Protein backbone atom coordinates (compact mmCIF):
# COMPACT_ATOMS: atom_id res chain seq x y z
CA MET A 1 102.00 94.47 74.39
CA THR A 2 104.37 96.44 76.61
CA ASP A 3 107.82 94.93 77.09
CA ILE A 4 108.14 95.48 80.86
CA THR A 5 105.83 96.46 83.70
CA ALA A 6 108.04 98.13 86.31
CA VAL A 7 106.40 97.97 89.75
CA LEU A 8 107.31 100.10 92.75
CA THR A 9 105.46 99.10 95.95
CA CYS A 10 105.17 101.44 98.93
CA HIS A 11 103.62 101.21 102.40
CA ASN A 12 104.97 103.53 105.10
CA GLU A 13 108.34 104.61 103.74
CA GLY A 14 107.59 108.33 103.98
CA LEU A 15 110.44 110.50 102.69
CA LEU A 16 112.53 107.40 101.97
CA LEU A 17 110.23 106.84 98.99
CA GLY A 18 111.84 109.81 97.21
CA PRO A 19 115.25 108.23 96.44
CA SER A 20 113.52 104.98 95.40
CA VAL A 21 111.31 106.83 92.93
CA ALA A 22 114.39 108.58 91.51
CA SER A 23 116.10 105.19 91.05
CA PHE A 24 112.91 103.73 89.53
CA ARG A 25 112.61 106.55 87.01
CA LYS A 26 116.30 106.49 86.08
CA ALA A 27 116.17 102.76 85.27
CA ILE A 28 113.02 103.30 83.22
CA ALA A 29 114.57 106.19 81.29
CA HIS A 30 117.68 104.12 80.53
CA ALA A 31 115.57 101.22 79.23
CA ARG A 32 113.42 103.49 77.09
CA ALA A 33 116.54 104.99 75.57
CA GLN A 34 117.35 101.47 74.33
CA GLY A 35 113.92 101.17 72.68
CA ILE A 36 112.33 99.06 75.43
CA THR A 37 108.71 99.91 76.22
CA ILE A 38 107.90 100.32 79.92
CA GLU A 39 104.67 100.50 81.91
CA PRO A 40 105.44 102.17 85.30
CA VAL A 41 103.13 101.13 88.16
CA LEU A 42 103.22 102.51 91.70
CA VAL A 43 101.28 100.40 94.23
CA VAL A 44 100.28 102.31 97.37
CA ASP A 45 99.33 99.74 100.00
CA LYS A 46 97.77 100.90 103.29
CA ALA A 47 100.17 103.83 103.22
CA ASP A 48 100.55 106.29 106.08
CA ARG A 49 99.83 110.01 105.66
CA LEU A 50 103.42 111.06 104.93
CA THR A 51 103.87 108.38 102.26
CA LYS A 52 100.59 109.40 100.62
CA SER A 53 101.73 113.01 100.58
CA VAL A 54 104.92 111.98 98.77
CA VAL A 55 102.90 109.93 96.28
CA ALA A 56 100.66 112.94 95.61
CA THR A 57 103.68 114.83 94.24
CA LEU A 58 104.46 112.04 91.77
CA ALA A 59 101.22 111.85 89.81
CA ASP A 60 101.66 112.22 86.06
CA GLU A 61 100.15 110.74 82.93
CA ASP A 62 102.95 108.20 82.58
CA LEU A 63 102.59 106.66 86.05
CA CYS A 64 99.78 104.25 86.92
CA ILE A 65 98.98 104.54 90.64
CA LEU A 66 97.20 101.55 92.17
CA GLU A 67 95.86 101.86 95.72
CA THR A 68 95.39 98.63 97.70
CA GLN A 69 94.54 97.53 101.24
CA CYS A 70 96.47 94.24 101.22
CA GLY A 71 98.73 94.83 104.20
CA ASP A 72 101.06 92.16 102.84
CA PRO A 73 104.01 92.56 100.43
CA GLY A 74 103.26 89.44 98.41
CA GLN A 75 99.60 90.31 97.92
CA THR A 76 100.60 93.84 96.92
CA ARG A 77 102.78 92.38 94.17
CA ASN A 78 99.96 90.05 93.11
CA ALA A 79 97.66 93.06 92.74
CA ALA A 80 100.19 94.67 90.40
CA VAL A 81 100.48 91.48 88.35
CA ALA A 82 96.68 91.43 87.93
CA ILE A 83 96.69 94.78 86.08
CA ALA A 84 100.08 94.51 84.36
CA ARG A 85 100.29 94.72 80.58
CA GLY A 86 103.98 93.88 80.25
CA ARG A 87 105.53 90.69 78.94
CA PHE A 88 107.89 90.87 81.90
CA ILE A 89 107.52 92.33 85.39
CA SER A 90 110.14 93.68 87.77
CA PHE A 91 109.63 94.75 91.40
CA LEU A 92 111.22 97.47 93.51
CA ASP A 93 110.41 98.03 97.19
CA GLY A 94 109.65 101.58 98.26
CA ASP A 95 112.83 102.04 100.29
CA ASP A 96 115.29 100.22 98.01
CA LEU A 97 117.20 101.14 94.84
CA TRP A 98 117.93 99.62 91.42
CA SER A 99 121.12 100.18 89.48
CA PHE A 100 120.32 102.44 86.50
CA ASN A 101 120.85 99.58 84.02
CA TRP A 102 118.75 96.94 85.83
CA LEU A 103 115.68 96.88 83.57
CA THR A 104 117.75 97.04 80.40
CA GLN A 105 120.17 94.28 81.34
CA ALA A 106 117.48 92.01 82.81
CA TRP A 107 115.44 92.40 79.61
CA LEU A 108 118.39 91.56 77.37
CA PHE A 109 119.47 88.67 79.59
CA SER A 110 115.96 87.15 79.73
CA ARG A 111 115.59 87.28 75.96
CA SER A 112 118.95 85.54 75.50
CA GLN A 113 117.93 82.51 77.56
CA PRO A 114 116.62 79.30 75.93
CA CYS A 115 113.81 78.99 78.49
CA PRO A 116 112.00 81.28 80.98
CA VAL A 117 114.19 82.32 83.92
CA ILE A 118 113.80 84.46 87.01
CA CYS A 119 116.41 87.21 87.04
CA HIS A 120 118.12 88.72 90.07
CA SER A 121 120.81 91.35 90.39
CA GLU A 122 124.38 90.12 90.28
CA MET A 123 125.08 91.80 93.63
CA ASN A 124 123.11 93.12 96.60
CA ILE A 125 124.45 95.92 98.77
CA VAL A 126 122.70 96.40 102.12
CA PHE A 127 122.76 99.81 103.79
CA GLY A 128 120.95 101.64 106.59
CA GLY A 129 120.53 99.52 109.73
CA ALA A 130 123.15 97.02 108.51
CA ARG A 131 126.08 96.98 106.09
CA GLN A 132 126.45 93.86 103.99
CA MET A 133 127.02 92.74 100.44
CA TRP A 134 126.58 89.46 98.65
CA TRP A 135 126.34 87.95 95.18
CA HIS A 136 123.16 86.21 94.07
CA ALA A 137 123.60 82.51 93.35
CA ASP A 138 123.03 81.01 89.89
CA SER A 139 120.84 77.90 90.08
CA GLU A 140 122.34 76.75 86.76
CA ALA A 141 125.92 76.92 88.02
CA VAL A 142 128.02 73.85 88.68
CA GLY A 143 128.10 73.29 92.43
CA PHE A 144 124.79 75.05 93.15
CA ASP A 145 123.28 73.47 96.28
CA PRO A 146 119.45 73.41 96.33
CA SER A 147 119.41 72.16 99.92
CA TYR A 148 120.50 75.63 101.09
CA LEU A 149 116.99 76.85 100.23
CA LEU A 150 115.71 74.71 103.11
CA ILE A 151 117.54 76.80 105.70
CA SER A 152 117.98 80.22 104.07
CA ASN A 153 116.99 82.32 101.08
CA TYR A 154 119.26 82.59 98.05
CA TRP A 155 117.39 85.47 96.33
CA ASP A 156 115.43 88.57 97.29
CA ALA A 157 112.05 89.74 95.98
CA MET A 158 113.34 92.40 93.54
CA SER A 159 113.19 89.96 90.67
CA PHE A 160 112.51 90.18 86.93
CA SER A 161 110.42 87.46 85.32
CA ALA A 162 107.82 86.72 82.65
CA ILE A 163 104.26 87.63 83.56
CA GLU A 164 103.24 84.02 82.92
CA THR A 165 105.59 82.92 85.72
CA LEU A 166 103.97 85.28 88.22
CA LYS A 167 100.44 84.35 87.17
CA ALA A 168 101.22 80.63 87.50
CA HIS A 169 103.00 81.15 90.84
CA PRO A 170 101.41 84.01 92.82
CA PHE A 171 102.93 85.05 96.13
CA LYS A 172 101.42 83.41 99.20
CA GLN A 173 100.11 85.68 101.95
CA ASN A 174 102.20 85.79 105.12
CA ASN A 175 100.64 84.62 108.37
CA LEU A 176 103.02 85.86 111.05
CA ALA A 177 100.53 85.09 113.86
CA ASP A 178 100.69 81.38 112.99
CA GLY A 179 104.46 81.43 112.45
CA TYR A 180 104.66 81.62 108.63
CA GLY A 181 106.32 84.36 106.61
CA HIS A 182 109.14 85.21 104.19
CA GLU A 183 106.85 85.28 101.15
CA ASP A 184 109.83 85.90 98.82
CA TRP A 185 111.76 82.90 100.16
CA HIS A 186 108.63 80.74 99.81
CA TRP A 187 108.11 81.98 96.24
CA ASN A 188 111.72 81.18 95.39
CA GLN A 189 111.28 77.64 96.73
CA VAL A 190 108.06 77.12 94.75
CA THR A 191 109.38 78.46 91.46
CA PHE A 192 112.70 76.64 91.73
CA ALA A 193 110.93 73.37 92.59
CA SER A 194 108.77 73.84 89.48
CA GLY A 195 111.91 73.87 87.34
CA ILE A 196 112.39 77.60 86.69
CA PRO A 197 116.04 78.69 86.92
CA HIS A 198 117.02 81.65 89.09
CA ARG A 199 119.91 83.53 87.51
CA PRO A 200 121.91 86.68 88.30
CA VAL A 201 122.19 89.34 85.60
CA PRO A 202 125.82 90.42 85.04
CA ASP A 203 126.83 94.00 85.88
CA THR A 204 123.70 94.84 87.92
CA VAL A 205 123.27 95.85 91.57
CA HIS A 206 120.36 96.21 93.97
CA PHE A 207 120.66 98.39 97.05
CA LYS A 208 118.64 97.07 99.99
CA ARG A 209 117.77 99.32 102.92
CA ARG A 210 117.60 97.73 106.38
CA ARG A 211 115.25 99.40 108.86
CA LYS A 212 113.37 98.38 111.98
CA ALA A 213 109.87 98.53 110.48
CA SER A 214 110.62 96.38 107.42
CA GLN A 215 108.84 93.12 106.62
CA MET A 216 112.11 91.25 107.14
CA ALA A 217 112.39 92.72 110.63
CA LYS A 218 108.82 91.66 111.43
CA CYS A 219 109.55 88.11 110.26
CA ASP A 220 112.68 88.00 112.43
CA GLU A 221 110.81 89.36 115.44
CA ASN A 222 108.14 86.67 115.10
CA ASP A 223 110.68 83.90 114.41
CA VAL A 224 108.65 82.62 111.46
CA ILE A 225 109.35 79.91 108.90
CA THR A 226 108.17 79.49 105.31
CA PHE A 227 105.03 77.61 104.39
CA PRO A 228 105.74 73.98 103.36
CA THR A 229 106.77 73.47 99.73
CA ALA A 230 107.91 70.62 97.51
CA LEU A 231 111.47 71.35 98.62
CA THR A 232 110.71 71.06 102.33
CA ARG A 233 108.86 67.82 101.56
CA PHE A 234 112.01 66.65 99.71
CA VAL A 235 110.28 66.33 96.36
CA PRO A 236 112.99 66.56 93.66
CA ALA A 237 112.83 69.35 91.08
CA PRO A 238 111.86 68.27 87.53
């Protein structure tokens, strides 16, 4: 069985996909140099013509290209999980970047834990339409406040977790028309409420691009909330 399935999802990023692919490949090369086996998967979901033309330049024997018509980021990730052969899966959005050591450090960190965990980068740096930075919270840390998940999201979707976690807890499809979205925030609520720790991996960074056409922007424009979960029903975590 492959150690890690590395998943890059793209939609309508166009030329912005190029730097993300470079980051994706660099992290994979670094992990392979440490003896970690990687299955690279590129999911092309309802992509526009420019994005498809970029994808066409990437085809090689090492890269599995999966074309979908989901039109939803969570369902796109679920489609990748369905074909994945890795023990662990990590996601990268088509306009974002990993630090070169992300796959390696997340793999080592996950294997050092006494129970399954969901890994996040230690830090996020936002660029493009906004400039921000923040550190991902550790749900195992003293002073961690679960109630914050009721009003905001602690962790983004570029996670690293066991395939069993993703099969047991698939992403829910957004329904912006009815006022529900933020599939990553909802997934974080569900997995945390089921007792799975969310932990930052030391010495790793994710670079998040902010742009007007992003899923986050669409959620903000529609003023959506997450679907109800055990947390919003005030059911205590096990």
